[in-house]
Amino acid sequence: VQLQASGGGLVQAGDSLRLSCAASGGTFSSDAMGWFRQAPGEEREFVAHIRQSGGVTYYADSVKGRFTISRDNAKNTVYLQMNSLKPEDTAVYYCAADSPDKRYYSVYMTRRYDSWGQGTQVTVSS
């Protein structure tokens, strides 16, 4: 599956952004999806995960209550609504599709996912 992330930008603290990730070339509704982020000099870290039907979600503690992951299987798209943004949310955000062969790994681990988008930059100024 090919993934194309979009929606990043430069915003001020307290603002909102919605990221989108469009999937093609696979069976989107069969894939659980995740969002990760990577700040300069840091490792890629888990942000959110959503199961195939969209009924179950997981969040990193740092974004819980501010970010919402959702998906539209009819549009082959997963979203990340980010509210109350903070400067520490500044990073490149990546969407990812998990692998059926790797679902024994935790949703929080990058190795569970085998398809990655190109990333979209989110910069939050104070």
PDB file of N, CA and C in Angstrom:
ATOM      1  N   VAL A   1       0.834  -1.174   0.000  1.00  0.00           N
ATOM      2  CA  VAL A   1       0.000   0.000   0.000  1.00  0.00           C
ATOM      3  C   VAL A   1       0.883   1.244   0.000  1.00  0.00           C
ATOM      4  N   GLN A   2       0.461   2.254  -0.771  1.00  0.00           N
ATOM      5  CA  GLN A   2       1.196   3.528  -0.802  1.00  0.00           C
ATOM      6  C   GLN A   2       0.417   4.548   0.025  1.00  0.00           C
ATOM      7  N   LEU A   3       1.149   5.336   0.792  1.00  0.00           N
ATOM      8  CA  LEU A   3       0.533   6.297   1.697  1.00  0.00           C
ATOM      9  C   LEU A   3       1.052   7.693   1.388  1.00  0.00           C
ATOM     10  N   GLN A   4       0.144   8.660   1.387  1.00  0.00           N
ATOM     11  CA  GLN A   4       0.495  10.048   1.107  1.00  0.00           C
ATOM     12  C   GLN A   4      -0.090  10.907   2.213  1.00  0.00           C
ATOM     13  N   ALA A   5       0.792  11.458   3.045  1.00  0.00           N
ATOM     14  CA  ALA A   5       0.352  12.311   4.148  1.00  0.00           C
ATOM     15  C   ALA A   5       0.336  13.771   3.719  1.00  0.00           C
ATOM     16  N   SER A   6      -0.582  14.520   4.290  1.00  0.00           N
ATOM     17  CA  SER A   6      -0.686  15.945   3.985  1.00  0.00           C
ATOM     18  C   SER A   6      -1.339  16.671   5.149  1.00  0.00           C
ATOM     19  N   GLY A   7      -1.312  18.006   5.089  1.00  0.00           N
ATOM     20  CA  GLY A   7      -2.013  18.801   6.078  1.00  0.00           C
ATOM     21  C   GLY A   7      -1.136  19.483   7.108  1.00  0.00           C
ATOM     22  N   GLY A   8       0.161  19.243   7.062  1.00  0.00           N
ATOM     23  CA  GLY A   8       1.048  19.895   8.014  1.00  0.00           C
ATOM     24  C   GLY A   8       1.180  21.382   7.726  1.00  0.00           C
ATOM     25  N   GLY A   9       1.850  22.066   8.632  1.00  0.00           N
ATOM     26  CA  GLY A   9       2.052  23.484   8.438  1.00  0.00           C
ATOM     27  C   GLY A   9       2.645  24.139   9.666  1.00  0.00           C
ATOM     28  N   LEU A  10       2.717  25.465   9.608  1.00  0.00           N
ATOM     29  CA  LEU A  10       3.228  26.279  10.712  1.00  0.00           C
ATOM     30  C   LEU A  10       2.054  26.934  11.409  1.00  0.00           C
ATOM     31  N   VAL A  11       1.908  26.659  12.700  1.00  0.00           N
ATOM     32  CA  VAL A  11       0.805  27.224  13.475  1.00  0.00           C
ATOM     33  C   VAL A  11       1.337  27.745  14.795  1.00  0.00           C
ATOM     34  N   GLN A  12       0.491  28.456  15.512  1.00  0.00           N
ATOM     35  CA  GLN A  12       0.847  28.946  16.829  1.00  0.00           C
ATOM     36  C   GLN A  12       0.328  27.987  17.911  1.00  0.00           C
ATOM     37  N   ALA A  13       0.944  28.069  19.068  1.00  0.00           N
ATOM     38  CA  ALA A  13       0.498  27.245  20.188  1.00  0.00           C
ATOM     39  C   ALA A  13      -0.988  27.499  20.450  1.00  0.00           C
ATOM     40  N   GLY A  14      -1.710  26.425  20.672  1.00  0.00           N
ATOM     41  CA  GLY A  14      -3.143  26.519  20.903  1.00  0.00           C
ATOM     42  C   GLY A  14      -3.990  26.315  19.665  1.00  0.00           C
ATOM     43  N   ASP A  15      -3.373  26.383  18.507  1.00  0.00           N
ATOM     44  CA  ASP A  15      -4.102  26.201  17.246  1.00  0.00           C
ATOM     45  C   ASP A  15      -4.380  24.725  16.987  1.00  0.00           C
ATOM     46  N   SER A  16      -5.094  24.489  15.896  1.00  0.00           N
ATOM     47  CA  SER A  16      -5.444  23.128  15.489  1.00  0.00           C
ATOM     48  C   SER A  16      -4.978  22.870  14.058  1.00  0.00           C
ATOM     49  N   LEU A  17      -4.752  21.600  13.775  1.00  0.00           N
ATOM     50  CA  LEU A  17      -4.444  21.145  12.420  1.00  0.00           C
ATOM     51  C   LEU A  17      -5.081  19.782  12.238  1.00  0.00           C
ATOM     52  N   ARG A  18      -5.430  19.464  10.992  1.00  0.00           N
ATOM     53  CA  ARG A  18      -5.885  18.117  10.685  1.00  0.00           C
ATOM     54  C   ARG A  18      -4.986  17.529   9.616  1.00  0.00           C
ATOM     55  N   LEU A  19      -4.340  16.438   9.951  1.00  0.00           N
ATOM     56  CA  LEU A  19      -3.524  15.712   8.990  1.00  0.00           C
ATOM     57  C   LEU A  19      -4.375  14.659   8.301  1.00  0.00           C
ATOM     58  N   SER A  20      -4.062  14.420   7.046  1.00  0.00           N
ATOM     59  CA  SER A  20      -4.722  13.368   6.281  1.00  0.00           C
ATOM     60  C   SER A  20      -3.674  12.423   5.720  1.00  0.00           C
ATOM     61  N   CYS A  21      -4.074  11.187   5.534  1.00  0.00           N
ATOM     62  CA  CYS A  21      -3.191  10.196   4.924  1.00  0.00           C
ATOM     63  C   CYS A  21      -4.029   9.366   3.967  1.00  0.00           C
ATOM     64  N   ALA A  22      -3.768   9.527   2.680  1.00  0.00           N
ATOM     65  CA  ALA A  22      -4.511   8.817   1.655  1.00  0.00           C
ATOM     66  C   ALA A  22      -3.765   7.550   1.253  1.00  0.00           C
ATOM     67  N   ALA A  23      -4.486   6.450   1.214  1.00  0.00           N
ATOM     68  CA  ALA A  23      -3.890   5.158   0.872  1.00  0.00           C
ATOM     69  C   ALA A  23      -4.323   4.725  -0.516  1.00  0.00           C
ATOM     70  N   SER A  24      -3.419   4.038  -1.197  1.00  0.00           N
ATOM     71  CA  SER A  24      -3.733   3.492  -2.511  1.00  0.00           C
ATOM     72  C   SER A  24      -2.954   2.198  -2.722  1.00  0.00           C
ATOM     73  N   GLY A  25      -3.455   1.374  -3.609  1.00  0.00           N
ATOM     74  CA  GLY A  25      -2.718   0.175  -3.978  1.00  0.00           C
ATOM     75  C   GLY A  25      -2.876  -1.006  -3.058  1.00  0.00           C
ATOM     76  N   GLY A  26      -3.751  -0.919  -2.096  1.00  0.00           N
ATOM     77  CA  GLY A  26      -3.935  -2.034  -1.186  1.00  0.00           C
ATOM     78  C   GLY A  26      -5.382  -2.133  -0.762  1.00  0.00           C
ATOM     79  N   THR A  27      -5.645  -2.913   0.252  1.00  0.00           N
ATOM     80  CA  THR A  27      -6.989  -3.037   0.804  1.00  0.00           C
ATOM     81  C   THR A  27      -7.027  -2.265   2.111  1.00  0.00           C
ATOM     82  N   PHE A  28      -7.344  -1.003   2.012  1.00  0.00           N
ATOM     83  CA  PHE A  28      -7.236  -0.096   3.156  1.00  0.00           C
ATOM     84  C   PHE A  28      -8.050  -0.576   4.337  1.00  0.00           C
ATOM     85  N   SER A  29      -9.233  -1.060   4.091  1.00  0.00           N
ATOM     86  CA  SER A  29     -10.121  -1.443   5.192  1.00  0.00           C
ATOM     87  C   SER A  29      -9.586  -2.639   5.968  1.00  0.00           C
ATOM     88  N   SER A  30      -8.605  -3.341   5.432  1.00  0.00           N
ATOM     89  CA  SER A  30      -8.003  -4.487   6.119  1.00  0.00           C
ATOM     90  C   SER A  30      -6.799  -4.104   6.973  1.00  0.00           C
ATOM     91  N   ASP A  31      -6.375  -2.855   6.851  1.00  0.00           N
ATOM     92  CA  ASP A  31      -5.161  -2.403   7.539  1.00  0.00           C
ATOM     93  C   ASP A  31      -5.497  -1.552   8.749  1.00  0.00           C
ATOM     94  N   ALA A  32      -4.910  -1.901   9.876  1.00  0.00           N
ATOM     95  CA  ALA A  32      -4.904  -0.969  10.991  1.00  0.00           C
ATOM     96  C   ALA A  32      -3.875   0.111  10.666  1.00  0.00           C
ATOM     97  N   MET A  33      -4.116   1.316  11.134  1.00  0.00           N
ATOM     98  CA  MET A  33      -3.275   2.451  10.758  1.00  0.00           C
ATOM     99  C   MET A  33      -2.717   3.151  11.982  1.00  0.00           C
ATOM    100  N   GLY A  34      -1.560   3.744  11.809  1.00  0.00           N
ATOM    101  CA  GLY A  34      -0.951   4.480  12.899  1.00  0.00           C
ATOM    102  C   GLY A  34      -0.382   5.806  12.437  1.00  0.00           C
ATOM    103  N   TRP A  35      -0.229   6.690  13.395  1.00  0.00           N
ATOM    104  CA  TRP A  35       0.498   7.943  13.186  1.00  0.00           C
ATOM    105  C   TRP A  35       1.694   7.943  14.145  1.00  0.00           C
ATOM    106  N   PHE A  36       2.840   8.324  13.621  1.00  0.00           N
ATOM    107  CA  PHE A  36       4.052   8.495  14.397  1.00  0.00           C
ATOM    108  C   PHE A  36       4.601   9.890  14.108  1.00  0.00           C
ATOM    109  N   ARG A  37       5.537  10.311  14.921  1.00  0.00           N
ATOM    110  CA  ARG A  37       6.197  11.590  14.668  1.00  0.00           C
ATOM    111  C   ARG A  37       7.662  11.506  15.043  1.00  0.00           C
ATOM    112  N   GLN A  38       8.433  12.357  14.414  1.00  0.00           N
ATOM    113  CA  GLN A  38       9.870  12.370  14.668  1.00  0.00           C
ATOM    114  C   GLN A  38      10.371  13.801  14.675  1.00  0.00           C
ATOM    115  N   ALA A  39      10.890  14.214  15.813  1.00  0.00           N
ATOM    116  CA  ALA A  39      11.498  15.538  15.946  1.00  0.00           C
ATOM    117  C   ALA A  39      12.984  15.428  15.617  1.00  0.00           C
ATOM    118  N   PRO A  40      13.617  16.548  15.254  1.00  0.00           N
ATOM    119  CA  PRO A  40      15.051  16.515  14.917  1.00  0.00           C
ATOM    120  C   PRO A  40      15.878  15.926  16.054  1.00  0.00           C
ATOM    121  N   GLY A  41      16.734  14.972  15.716  1.00  0.00           N
ATOM    122  CA  GLY A  41      17.607  14.360  16.702  1.00  0.00           C
ATOM    123  C   GLY A  41      16.944  13.358  17.620  1.00  0.00           C
ATOM    124  N   GLU A  42      15.660  13.083  17.370  1.00  0.00           N
ATOM    125  CA  GLU A  42      14.918  12.159  18.228  1.00  0.00           C
ATOM    126  C   GLU A  42      14.508  10.916  17.441  1.00  0.00           C
ATOM    127  N   GLU A  43      14.167   9.869  18.174  1.00  0.00           N
ATOM    128  CA  GLU A  43      13.641   8.673  17.531  1.00  0.00           C
ATOM    129  C   GLU A  43      12.178   8.896  17.145  1.00  0.00           C
ATOM    130  N   ARG A  44      11.750   8.109  16.176  1.00  0.00           N
ATOM    131  CA  ARG A  44      10.341   8.174  15.784  1.00  0.00           C
ATOM    132  C   ARG A  44       9.494   7.619  16.925  1.00  0.00           C
ATOM    133  N   GLU A  45       8.432   8.353  17.261  1.00  0.00           N
ATOM    134  CA  GLU A  45       7.618   7.953  18.397  1.00  0.00           C
ATOM    135  C   GLU A  45       6.155   7.793  18.006  1.00  0.00           C
ATOM    136  N   PHE A  46       5.515   6.890  18.704  1.00  0.00           N
ATOM    137  CA  PHE A  46       4.101   6.601  18.479  1.00  0.00           C
ATOM    138  C   PHE A  46       3.231   7.787  18.868  1.00  0.00           C
ATOM    139  N   VAL A  47       2.193   8.031  18.071  1.00  0.00           N
ATOM    140  CA  VAL A  47       1.218   9.072  18.381  1.00  0.00           C
ATOM    141  C   VAL A  47      -0.166   8.463  18.573  1.00  0.00           C
ATOM    142  N   ALA A  48      -0.644   7.709  17.573  1.00  0.00           N
ATOM    143  CA  ALA A  48      -1.999   7.163  17.649  1.00  0.00           C
ATOM    144  C   ALA A  48      -2.137   5.968  16.716  1.00  0.00           C
ATOM    145  N   HIS A  49      -3.138   5.142  17.010  1.00  0.00           N
ATOM    146  CA  HIS A  49      -3.403   3.942  16.220  1.00  0.00           C
ATOM    147  C   HIS A  49      -4.905   3.739  16.146  1.00  0.00           C
ATOM    148  N   ILE A  50      -5.366   3.233  15.016  1.00  0.00           N
ATOM    149  CA  ILE A  50      -6.786   2.947  14.864  1.00  0.00           C
ATOM    150  C   ILE A  50      -6.937   1.601  14.177  1.00  0.00           C
ATOM    151  N   ARG A  51      -7.857   0.790  14.685  1.00  0.00           N
ATOM    152  CA  ARG A  51      -8.088  -0.522  14.094  1.00  0.00           C
ATOM    153  C   ARG A  51      -8.870  -0.404  12.794  1.00  0.00           C
ATOM    154  N   GLN A  52      -9.008  -1.535  12.124  1.00  0.00           N
ATOM    155  CA  GLN A  52      -9.562  -1.541  10.781  1.00  0.00           C
ATOM    156  C   GLN A  52     -10.949  -0.910  10.692  1.00  0.00           C
ATOM    157  N   SER A  53     -11.794  -1.226  11.645  1.00  0.00           N
ATOM    158  CA  SER A  53     -13.165  -0.706  11.599  1.00  0.00           C
ATOM    159  C   SER A  53     -13.275   0.692  12.155  1.00  0.00           C
ATOM    160  N   GLY A  54     -12.225   1.143  12.842  1.00  0.00           N
ATOM    161  CA  GLY A  54     -12.245   2.462  13.461  1.00  0.00           C
ATOM    162  C   GLY A  54     -12.818   2.481  14.861  1.00  0.00           C
ATOM    163  N   GLY A  55     -13.250   1.329  15.344  1.00  0.00           N
ATOM    164  CA  GLY A  55     -13.912   1.298  16.637  1.00  0.00           C
ATOM    165  C   GLY A  55     -12.983   1.306  17.836  1.00  0.00           C
ATOM    166  N   VAL A  56     -11.710   1.020  17.632  1.00  0.00           N
ATOM    167  CA  VAL A  56     -10.748   0.979  18.723  1.00  0.00           C
ATOM    168  C   VAL A  56      -9.567   1.873  18.374  1.00  0.00           C
ATOM    169  N   THR A  57      -9.193   2.722  19.316  1.00  0.00           N
ATOM    170  CA  THR A  57      -8.068   3.628  19.103  1.00  0.00           C
ATOM    171  C   THR A  57      -7.132   3.598  20.306  1.00  0.00           C
ATOM    172  N   TYR A  58      -5.882   3.975  20.049  1.00  0.00           N
ATOM    173  CA  TYR A  58      -4.870   4.077  21.085  1.00  0.00           C
ATOM    174  C   TYR A  58      -4.134   5.402  20.892  1.00  0.00           C
ATOM    175  N   TYR A  59      -3.689   5.983  21.999  1.00  0.00           N
ATOM    176  CA  TYR A  59      -2.978   7.256  21.941  1.00  0.00           C
ATOM    177  C   TYR A  59      -1.771   7.251  22.867  1.00  0.00           C
ATOM    178  N   ALA A  60      -0.764   8.000  22.467  1.00  0.00           N
ATOM    179  CA  ALA A  60       0.330   8.287  23.377  1.00  0.00           C
ATOM    180  C   ALA A  60      -0.189   9.195  24.488  1.00  0.00           C
ATOM    181  N   ASP A  61       0.359   9.034  25.673  1.00  0.00           N
ATOM    182  CA  ASP A  61      -0.101   9.857  26.800  1.00  0.00           C
ATOM    183  C   ASP A  61       0.078  11.347  26.508  1.00  0.00           C
ATOM    184  N   SER A  62       1.110  11.680  25.756  1.00  0.00           N
ATOM    185  CA  SER A  62       1.412  13.096  25.499  1.00  0.00           C
ATOM    186  C   SER A  62       0.369  13.792  24.627  1.00  0.00           C
ATOM    187  N   VAL A  63      -0.460  13.011  23.918  1.00  0.00           N
ATOM    188  CA  VAL A  63      -1.449  13.628  23.019  1.00  0.00           C
ATOM    189  C   VAL A  63      -2.882  13.289  23.413  1.00  0.00           C
ATOM    190  N   LYS A  64      -3.042  12.415  24.386  1.00  0.00           N
ATOM    191  CA  LYS A  64      -4.375  11.975  24.783  1.00  0.00           C
ATOM    192  C   LYS A  64      -5.210  13.171  25.230  1.00  0.00           C
ATOM    193  N   GLY A  65      -6.421  13.253  24.713  1.00  0.00           N
ATOM    194  CA  GLY A  65      -7.303  14.365  25.042  1.00  0.00           C
ATOM    195  C   GLY A  65      -7.156  15.557  24.113  1.00  0.00           C
ATOM    196  N   ARG A  66      -6.089  15.592  23.323  1.00  0.00           N
ATOM    197  CA  ARG A  66      -5.881  16.698  22.368  1.00  0.00           C
ATOM    198  C   ARG A  66      -5.965  16.237  20.918  1.00  0.00           C
ATOM    199  N   PHE A  67      -5.509  15.033  20.654  1.00  0.00           N
ATOM    200  CA  PHE A  67      -5.487  14.496  19.283  1.00  0.00           C
ATOM    201  C   PHE A  67      -6.570  13.425  19.141  1.00  0.00           C
ATOM    202  N   THR A  68      -7.118  13.334  17.933  1.00  0.00           N
ATOM    203  CA  THR A  68      -8.110  12.305  17.627  1.00  0.00           C
ATOM    204  C   THR A  68      -7.772  11.671  16.282  1.00  0.00           C
ATOM    205  N   ILE A  69      -7.643  10.354  16.289  1.00  0.00           N
ATOM    206  CA  ILE A  69      -7.421   9.622  15.044  1.00  0.00           C
ATOM    207  C   ILE A  69      -8.758   9.084  14.562  1.00  0.00           C
ATOM    208  N   SER A  70      -8.970   9.141  13.264  1.00  0.00           N
ATOM    209  CA  SER A  70     -10.205   8.618  12.681  1.00  0.00           C
ATOM    210  C   SER A  70      -9.889   8.116  11.273  1.00  0.00           C
ATOM    211  N   ARG A  71     -10.839   7.424  10.684  1.00  0.00           N
ATOM    212  CA  ARG A  71     -10.624   6.916   9.336  1.00  0.00           C
ATOM    213  C   ARG A  71     -11.947   6.898   8.581  1.00  0.00           C
ATOM    214  N   ASP A  72     -11.824   7.006   7.263  1.00  0.00           N
ATOM    215  CA  ASP A  72     -12.967   6.881   6.368  1.00  0.00           C
ATOM    216  C   ASP A  72     -12.599   5.806   5.358  1.00  0.00           C
ATOM    217  N   ASN A  73     -13.094   4.611   5.573  1.00  0.00           N
ATOM    218  CA  ASN A  73     -12.698   3.497   4.702  1.00  0.00           C
ATOM    219  C   ASN A  73     -13.240   3.667   3.280  1.00  0.00           C
ATOM    220  N   ALA A  74     -14.317   4.418   3.139  1.00  0.00           N
ATOM    221  CA  ALA A  74     -14.844   4.669   1.794  1.00  0.00           C
ATOM    222  C   ALA A  74     -13.915   5.570   0.987  1.00  0.00           C
ATOM    223  N   LYS A  75     -13.138   6.399   1.702  1.00  0.00           N
ATOM    224  CA  LYS A  75     -12.207   7.322   1.043  1.00  0.00           C
ATOM    225  C   LYS A  75     -10.759   6.869   1.152  1.00  0.00           C
ATOM    226  N   ASN A  76     -10.543   5.695   1.759  1.00  0.00           N
ATOM    227  CA  ASN A  76      -9.181   5.178   1.938  1.00  0.00           C
ATOM    228  C   ASN A  76      -8.271   6.203   2.621  1.00  0.00           C
ATOM    229  N   THR A  77      -8.787   6.839   3.640  1.00  0.00           N
ATOM    230  CA  THR A  77      -8.056   7.926   4.285  1.00  0.00           C
ATOM    231  C   THR A  77      -8.137   7.802   5.797  1.00  0.00           C
ATOM    232  N   VAL A  78      -7.016   8.087   6.443  1.00  0.00           N
ATOM    233  CA  VAL A  78      -6.970   8.179   7.900  1.00  0.00           C
ATOM    234  C   VAL A  78      -6.599   9.613   8.252  1.00  0.00           C
ATOM    235  N   TYR A  79      -7.156  10.104   9.347  1.00  0.00           N
ATOM    236  CA  TYR A  79      -6.974  11.492   9.761  1.00  0.00           C
ATOM    237  C   TYR A  79      -6.366  11.561  11.158  1.00  0.00           C
ATOM    238  N   LEU A  80      -5.731  12.686  11.412  1.00  0.00           N
ATOM    239  CA  LEU A  80      -5.283  12.992  12.762  1.00  0.00           C
ATOM    240  C   LEU A  80      -5.668  14.439  13.046  1.00  0.00           C
ATOM    241  N   GLN A  81      -6.703  14.604  13.845  1.00  0.00           N
ATOM    242  CA  GLN A  81      -7.124  15.938  14.275  1.00  0.00           C
ATOM    243  C   GLN A  81      -6.302  16.321  15.490  1.00  0.00           C
ATOM    244  N   MET A  82      -5.593  17.429  15.392  1.00  0.00           N
ATOM    245  CA  MET A  82      -4.709  17.868  16.463  1.00  0.00           C
ATOM    246  C   MET A  82      -5.185  19.210  16.984  1.00  0.00           C
ATOM    247  N   ASN A  83      -5.601  19.233  18.224  1.00  0.00           N
ATOM    248  CA  ASN A  83      -6.079  20.459  18.871  1.00  0.00           C
ATOM    249  C   ASN A  83      -5.129  20.865  19.982  1.00  0.00           C
ATOM    250  N   SER A  84      -5.242  22.109  20.390  1.00  0.00           N
ATOM    251  CA  SER A  84      -4.422  22.628  21.498  1.00  0.00           C
ATOM    252  C   SER A  84      -2.953  22.292  21.297  1.00  0.00           C
ATOM    253  N   LEU A  85      -2.464  22.593  20.123  1.00  0.00           N
ATOM    254  CA  LEU A  85      -1.090  22.233  19.782  1.00  0.00           C
ATOM    255  C   LEU A  85      -0.087  22.973  20.660  1.00  0.00           C
ATOM    256  N   LYS A  86       1.013  22.284  20.944  1.00  0.00           N
ATOM    257  CA  LYS A  86       2.073  22.822  21.783  1.00  0.00           C
ATOM    258  C   LYS A  86       3.383  22.825  20.987  1.00  0.00           C
ATOM    259  N   PRO A  87       4.328  23.667  21.367  1.00  0.00           N
ATOM    260  CA  PRO A  87       5.622  23.655  20.663  1.00  0.00           C
ATOM    261  C   PRO A  87       6.279  22.280  20.645  1.00  0.00           C
ATOM    262  N   GLU A  88       6.067  21.502  21.703  1.00  0.00           N
ATOM    263  CA  GLU A  88       6.677  20.162  21.754  1.00  0.00           C
ATOM    264  C   GLU A  88       6.024  19.177  20.799  1.00  0.00           C
ATOM    265  N   ASP A  89       4.948  19.562  20.142  1.00  0.00           N
ATOM    266  CA  ASP A  89       4.347  18.725  19.099  1.00  0.00           C
ATOM    267  C   ASP A  89       5.056  18.900  17.756  1.00  0.00           C
ATOM    268  N   THR A  90       5.984  19.835  17.688  1.00  0.00           N
ATOM    269  CA  THR A  90       6.721  20.071  16.452  1.00  0.00           C
ATOM    270  C   THR A  90       7.501  18.824  16.038  1.00  0.00           C
ATOM    271  N   ALA A  91       7.258  18.365  14.814  1.00  0.00           N
ATOM    272  CA  ALA A  91       7.885  17.136  14.321  1.00  0.00           C
ATOM    273  C   ALA A  91       7.424  16.891  12.893  1.00  0.00           C
ATOM    274  N   VAL A  92       8.058  15.929  12.259  1.00  0.00           N
ATOM    275  CA  VAL A  92       7.533  15.377  11.018  1.00  0.00           C
ATOM    276  C   VAL A  92       6.593  14.236  11.401  1.00  0.00           C
ATOM    277  N   TYR A  93       5.386  14.277  10.885  1.00  0.00           N
ATOM    278  CA  TYR A  93       4.376  13.281  11.211  1.00  0.00           C
ATOM    279  C   TYR A  93       4.250  12.287  10.056  1.00  0.00           C
ATOM    280  N   TYR A  94       4.263  11.006  10.425  1.00  0.00           N
ATOM    281  CA  TYR A  94       4.195   9.921   9.448  1.00  0.00           C
ATOM    282  C   TYR A  94       2.962   9.060   9.710  1.00  0.00           C
ATOM    283  N   CYS A  95       2.278   8.692   8.636  1.00  0.00           N
ATOM    284  CA  CYS A  95       1.246   7.675   8.770  1.00  0.00           C
ATOM    285  C   CYS A  95       1.827   6.328   8.340  1.00  0.00           C
ATOM    286  N   ALA A  96       1.226   5.272   8.847  1.00  0.00           N
ATOM    287  CA  ALA A  96       1.750   3.939   8.575  1.00  0.00           C
ATOM    288  C   ALA A  96       0.623   2.927   8.603  1.00  0.00           C
ATOM    289  N   ALA A  97       0.782   1.896   7.775  1.00  0.00           N
ATOM    290  CA  ALA A  97      -0.162   0.780   7.754  1.00  0.00           C
ATOM    291  C   ALA A  97       0.514  -0.437   8.371  1.00  0.00           C
ATOM    292  N   ASP A  98      -0.227  -1.133   9.243  1.00  0.00           N
ATOM    293  CA  ASP A  98       0.424  -2.262   9.885  1.00  0.00           C
ATOM    294  C   ASP A  98       0.428  -3.486   8.982  1.00  0.00           C
ATOM    295  N   SER A  99       1.276  -4.431   9.370  1.00  0.00           N
ATOM    296  CA  SER A  99       1.421  -5.665   8.596  1.00  0.00           C
ATOM    297  C   SER A  99       0.674  -6.799   9.288  1.00  0.00           C
ATOM    298  N   PRO A 100      -0.131  -7.550   8.533  1.00  0.00           N
ATOM    299  CA  PRO A 100      -0.827  -8.684   9.140  1.00  0.00           C
ATOM    300  C   PRO A 100       0.124  -9.689   9.774  1.00  0.00           C
ATOM    301  N   ASP A 101       1.369  -9.755   9.266  1.00  0.00           N
ATOM    302  CA  ASP A 101       2.344 -10.710   9.780  1.00  0.00           C
ATOM    303  C   ASP A 101       3.048 -10.223  11.042  1.00  0.00           C
ATOM    304  N   LYS A 102       2.784  -8.977  11.416  1.00  0.00           N
ATOM    305  CA  LYS A 102       3.523  -8.405  12.536  1.00  0.00           C
ATOM    306  C   LYS A 102       2.606  -7.927  13.651  1.00  0.00           C
ATOM    307  N   ARG A 103       1.392  -8.419  13.660  1.00  0.00           N
ATOM    308  CA  ARG A 103       0.444  -7.930  14.658  1.00  0.00           C
ATOM    309  C   ARG A 103       0.682  -8.479  16.049  1.00  0.00           C
ATOM    310  N   TYR A 104       1.728  -9.314  16.188  1.00  0.00           N
ATOM    311  CA  TYR A 104       2.098  -9.707  17.540  1.00  0.00           C
ATOM    312  C   TYR A 104       2.932  -8.623  18.215  1.00  0.00           C
ATOM    313  N   TYR A 105       3.393  -7.645  17.438  1.00  0.00           N
ATOM    314  CA  TYR A 105       4.085  -6.502  18.023  1.00  0.00           C
ATOM    315  C   TYR A 105       3.050  -5.507  18.554  1.00  0.00           C
ATOM    316  N   SER A 106       3.451  -4.776  19.570  1.00  0.00           N
ATOM    317  CA  SER A 106       2.585  -3.743  20.121  1.00  0.00           C
ATOM    318  C   SER A 106       2.287  -2.667  19.078  1.00  0.00           C
ATOM    319  N   VAL A 107       1.113  -2.062  19.169  1.00  0.00           N
ATOM    320  CA  VAL A 107       0.758  -0.969  18.256  1.00  0.00           C
ATOM    321  C   VAL A 107       1.674   0.223  18.438  1.00  0.00           C
ATOM    322  N   TYR A 108       2.375   0.287  19.556  1.00  0.00           N
ATOM    323  CA  TYR A 108       3.250   1.419  19.858  1.00  0.00           C
ATOM    324  C   TYR A 108       4.623   1.286  19.191  1.00  0.00           C
ATOM    325  N   MET A 109       4.887   0.147  18.557  1.00  0.00           N
ATOM    326  CA  MET A 109       6.216  -0.125  18.015  1.00  0.00           C
ATOM    327  C   MET A 109       6.242   0.085  16.512  1.00  0.00           C
ATOM    328  N   THR A 110       7.283   0.741  16.002  1.00  0.00           N
ATOM    329  CA  THR A 110       7.387   0.986  14.566  1.00  0.00           C
ATOM    330  C   THR A 110       7.466  -0.314  13.773  1.00  0.00           C
ATOM    331  N   ARG A 111       8.031  -1.364  14.350  1.00  0.00           N
ATOM    332  CA  ARG A 111       8.224  -2.601  13.604  1.00  0.00           C
ATOM    333  C   ARG A 111       6.929  -3.317  13.277  1.00  0.00           C
ATOM    334  N   ARG A 112       5.828  -2.891  13.887  1.00  0.00           N
ATOM    335  CA  ARG A 112       4.544  -3.494  13.545  1.00  0.00           C
ATOM    336  C   ARG A 112       4.067  -3.054  12.157  1.00  0.00           C
ATOM    337  N   TYR A 113       4.598  -1.930  11.680  1.00  0.00           N
ATOM    338  CA  TYR A 113       4.095  -1.281  10.466  1.00  0.00           C
ATOM    339  C   TYR A 113       5.083  -1.476   9.322  1.00  0.00           C
ATOM    340  N   ASP A 114       4.584  -1.788   8.148  1.00  0.00           N
ATOM    341  CA  ASP A 114       5.521  -2.018   7.042  1.00  0.00           C
ATOM    342  C   ASP A 114       5.305  -1.092   5.862  1.00  0.00           C
ATOM    343  N   SER A 115       4.338  -0.210   5.929  1.00  0.00           N
ATOM    344  CA  SER A 115       4.142   0.784   4.865  1.00  0.00           C
ATOM    345  C   SER A 115       4.084   2.150   5.524  1.00  0.00           C
ATOM    346  N   TRP A 116       4.897   3.068   5.012  1.00  0.00           N
ATOM    347  CA  TRP A 116       5.007   4.396   5.617  1.00  0.00           C
ATOM    348  C   TRP A 116       4.808   5.477   4.568  1.00  0.00           C
ATOM    349  N   GLY A 117       4.134   6.541   4.972  1.00  0.00           N
ATOM    350  CA  GLY A 117       4.029   7.710   4.124  1.00  0.00           C
ATOM    351  C   GLY A 117       5.311   8.523   4.179  1.00  0.00           C
ATOM    352  N   GLN A 118       5.351   9.598   3.406  1.00  0.00           N
ATOM    353  CA  GLN A 118       6.583  10.375   3.282  1.00  0.00           C
ATOM    354  C   GLN A 118       6.765  11.380   4.409  1.00  0.00           C
ATOM    355  N   GLY A 119       5.729  11.602   5.203  1.00  0.00           N
ATOM    356  CA  GLY A 119       5.837  12.547   6.308  1.00  0.00           C
ATOM    357  C   GLY A 119       5.364  13.936   5.928  1.00  0.00           C
ATOM    358  N   THR A 120       4.810  14.621   6.905  1.00  0.00           N
ATOM    359  CA  THR A 120       4.383  16.006   6.731  1.00  0.00           C
ATOM    360  C   THR A 120       4.832  16.801   7.953  1.00  0.00           C
ATOM    361  N   GLN A 121       5.421  17.961   7.717  1.00  0.00           N
ATOM    362  CA  GLN A 121       6.021  18.759   8.795  1.00  0.00           C
ATOM    363  C   GLN A 121       4.951  19.546   9.546  1.00  0.00           C
ATOM    364  N   VAL A 122       4.994  19.446  10.849  1.00  0.00           N
ATOM    365  CA  VAL A 122       4.154  20.261  11.724  1.00  0.00           C
ATOM    366  C   VAL A 122       5.083  21.087  12.612  1.00  0.00           C
ATOM    367  N   THR A 123       4.930  22.391  12.559  1.00  0.00           N
ATOM    368  CA  THR A 123       5.736  23.290  13.371  1.00  0.00           C
ATOM    369  C   THR A 123       4.806  24.167  14.198  1.00  0.00           C
ATOM    370  N   VAL A 124       5.005  24.143  15.509  1.00  0.00           N
ATOM    371  CA  VAL A 124       4.163  24.912  16.423  1.00  0.00           C
ATOM    372  C   VAL A 124       5.040  25.949  17.104  1.00  0.00           C
ATOM    373  N   SER A 125       4.727  27.207  16.878  1.00  0.00           N
ATOM    374  CA  SER A 125       5.496  28.284  17.490  1.00  0.00           C
ATOM    375  C   SER A 125       4.866  28.704  18.806  1.00  0.00           C
ATOM    376  N   SER A 126       5.688  29.177  19.713  1.00  0.00           N
ATOM    377  CA  SER A 126       5.186  29.570  21.045  1.00  0.00           C
ATOM    378  C   SER A 126       4.756  31.024  21.079  1.00  0.00           C
TER     379      SER A 126
END
